[in-house]
C-alpha cells in the first residue's frame, strides 16, 4: 500500500501549513510506514494517509509524485 506522509523537515519545527512537506512511502500498513520513517528520517511526522483508488490516481498524476525508498 502507498501512504502519503506530511511532515516538517526538522523535529523541532512547529507544524505550519507553509512549511509542511510531503513524501510517499510504500509499506504493508501504517505502523510499518511509521517505523520506516522513524528509522530513516529526522522528520516531525504530522500525518500518514493511505492512498487508494481515485485518490491514489490523483496523487500519481502530480508531477512530484515519487515513492521514497529507504535502505533497510
C-alpha atoms as a PDB file:
ATOM      1  CA  UNK A   1       0.000   0.000   0.000  1.00  0.00           C
ATOM      2  CA  UNK A   2       1.160   3.535  -0.678  1.00  0.00           C
ATOM      3  CA  UNK A   3       0.985   6.192   2.009  1.00  0.00           C
ATOM      4  CA  UNK A   4       1.251   9.966   1.753  1.00  0.00           C
ATOM      5  CA  UNK A   5       3.248  11.391   4.646  1.00  0.00           C
ATOM      6  CA  UNK A   6       3.107  15.060   5.607  1.00  0.00           C
ATOM      7  CA  UNK A   7       5.939  16.309   7.767  1.00  0.00           C
ATOM      8  CA  UNK A   8       8.185  19.111   8.974  1.00  0.00           C
ATOM      9  CA  UNK A   9      11.831  18.670   7.988  1.00  0.00           C
ATOM     10  CA  UNK A  10      13.083  19.420  11.494  1.00  0.00           C
ATOM     11  CA  UNK A  11      11.792  17.590  14.569  1.00  0.00           C
ATOM     12  CA  UNK A  12      11.741  20.888  16.497  1.00  0.00           C
ATOM     13  CA  UNK A  13       9.667  22.821  13.940  1.00  0.00           C
ATOM     14  CA  UNK A  14       6.129  23.706  14.865  1.00  0.00           C
ATOM     15  CA  UNK A  15       3.788  22.365  12.171  1.00  0.00           C
ATOM     16  CA  UNK A  16       2.605  25.144   9.875  1.00  0.00           C
ATOM     17  CA  UNK A  17       0.948  24.811   6.503  1.00  0.00           C
ATOM     18  CA  UNK A  18       3.571  26.959   4.762  1.00  0.00           C
ATOM     19  CA  UNK A  19       6.452  24.687   5.770  1.00  0.00           C
ATOM     20  CA  UNK A  20       4.708  21.311   5.565  1.00  0.00           C
ATOM     21  CA  UNK A  21       6.242  18.931   3.028  1.00  0.00           C
ATOM     22  CA  UNK A  22       5.105  15.539   1.804  1.00  0.00           C
ATOM     23  CA  UNK A  23       6.533  12.278   0.563  1.00  0.00           C
ATOM     24  CA  UNK A  24       5.153   8.921  -0.490  1.00  0.00           C
ATOM     25  CA  UNK A  25       6.205   5.622   1.027  1.00  0.00           C
ATOM     26  CA  UNK A  26       5.229   2.028   0.307  1.00  0.00           C
ATOM     27  CA  UNK A  27       4.535  -0.249   3.288  1.00  0.00           C
ATOM     28  CA  UNK A  28       2.247  -3.087   4.377  1.00  0.00           C
ATOM     29  CA  UNK A  29       0.413  -0.854   6.871  1.00  0.00           C
ATOM     30  CA  UNK A  30       0.625   2.491   8.679  1.00  0.00           C
ATOM     31  CA  UNK A  31       2.662   1.046  11.553  1.00  0.00           C
ATOM     32  CA  UNK A  32       5.324  -0.272   9.171  1.00  0.00           C
ATOM     33  CA  UNK A  33       5.365   3.074   7.347  1.00  0.00           C
ATOM     34  CA  UNK A  34       5.933   4.932  10.629  1.00  0.00           C
ATOM     35  CA  UNK A  35       8.732   2.533  11.620  1.00  0.00           C
ATOM     36  CA  UNK A  36      10.490   3.132   8.281  1.00  0.00           C
ATOM     37  CA  UNK A  37      10.212   6.880   8.757  1.00  0.00           C
ATOM     38  CA  UNK A  38      11.405   6.761  12.378  1.00  0.00           C
ATOM     39  CA  UNK A  39      14.476   4.675  11.444  1.00  0.00           C
ATOM     40  CA  UNK A  40      15.451   6.676   8.370  1.00  0.00           C
ATOM     41  CA  UNK A  41      14.452  10.322   8.822  1.00  0.00           C
ATOM     42  CA  UNK A  42      14.746  13.147  11.356  1.00  0.00           C
ATOM     43  CA  UNK A  43      11.281  14.428  10.371  1.00  0.00           C
ATOM     44  CA  UNK A  44       8.438  15.605  12.560  1.00  0.00           C
ATOM     45  CA  UNK A  45       5.654  13.448  11.091  1.00  0.00           C
ATOM     46  CA  UNK A  46       2.283  15.189  11.029  1.00  0.00           C
ATOM     47  CA  UNK A  47       0.065  12.672   9.266  1.00  0.00           C
ATOM     48  CA  UNK A  48       0.256   9.343   7.437  1.00  0.00           C
ATOM     49  CA  UNK A  49      -2.588   8.822   4.977  1.00  0.00           C
ATOM     50  CA  UNK A  50      -3.257   5.628   2.998  1.00  0.00           C
ATOM     51  CA  UNK A  51      -3.845   6.216  -0.711  1.00  0.00           C
ATOM     52  CA  UNK A  52      -6.253   4.032  -2.672  1.00  0.00           C
ATOM     53  CA  UNK A  53      -8.439   4.185  -5.745  1.00  0.00           C
ATOM     54  CA  UNK A  54      -9.185   7.613  -7.202  1.00  0.00           C
ATOM     55  CA  UNK A  55      -7.148   9.387  -4.521  1.00  0.00           C
ATOM     56  CA  UNK A  56      -4.057   7.351  -5.437  1.00  0.00           C
ATOM     57  CA  UNK A  57      -4.650   8.034  -9.151  1.00  0.00           C
ATOM     58  CA  UNK A  58      -4.906  11.759  -8.410  1.00  0.00           C
ATOM     59  CA  UNK A  59      -1.639  11.787  -6.452  1.00  0.00           C
ATOM     60  CA  UNK A  60       0.143   9.707  -9.132  1.00  0.00           C
ATOM     61  CA  UNK A  61      -0.754  12.329 -11.747  1.00  0.00           C
ATOM     62  CA  UNK A  62       1.097  15.060  -9.827  1.00  0.00           C
ATOM     63  CA  UNK A  63       4.495  15.909 -11.359  1.00  0.00           C
ATOM     64  CA  UNK A  64       6.295  15.492  -7.998  1.00  0.00           C
ATOM     65  CA  UNK A  65       4.878  12.019  -7.251  1.00  0.00           C
ATOM     66  CA  UNK A  66       7.756   9.701  -6.369  1.00  0.00           C
ATOM     67  CA  UNK A  67       7.852   6.868  -3.855  1.00  0.00           C
ATOM     68  CA  UNK A  68      10.674   7.347  -1.355  1.00  0.00           C
ATOM     69  CA  UNK A  69      12.837   4.253  -0.952  1.00  0.00           C
ATOM     70  CA  UNK A  70      14.724   3.572   2.280  1.00  0.00           C
ATOM     71  CA  UNK A  71      17.629   1.185   2.614  1.00  0.00           C
ATOM     72  CA  UNK A  72      16.709  -1.200   5.397  1.00  0.00           C
END
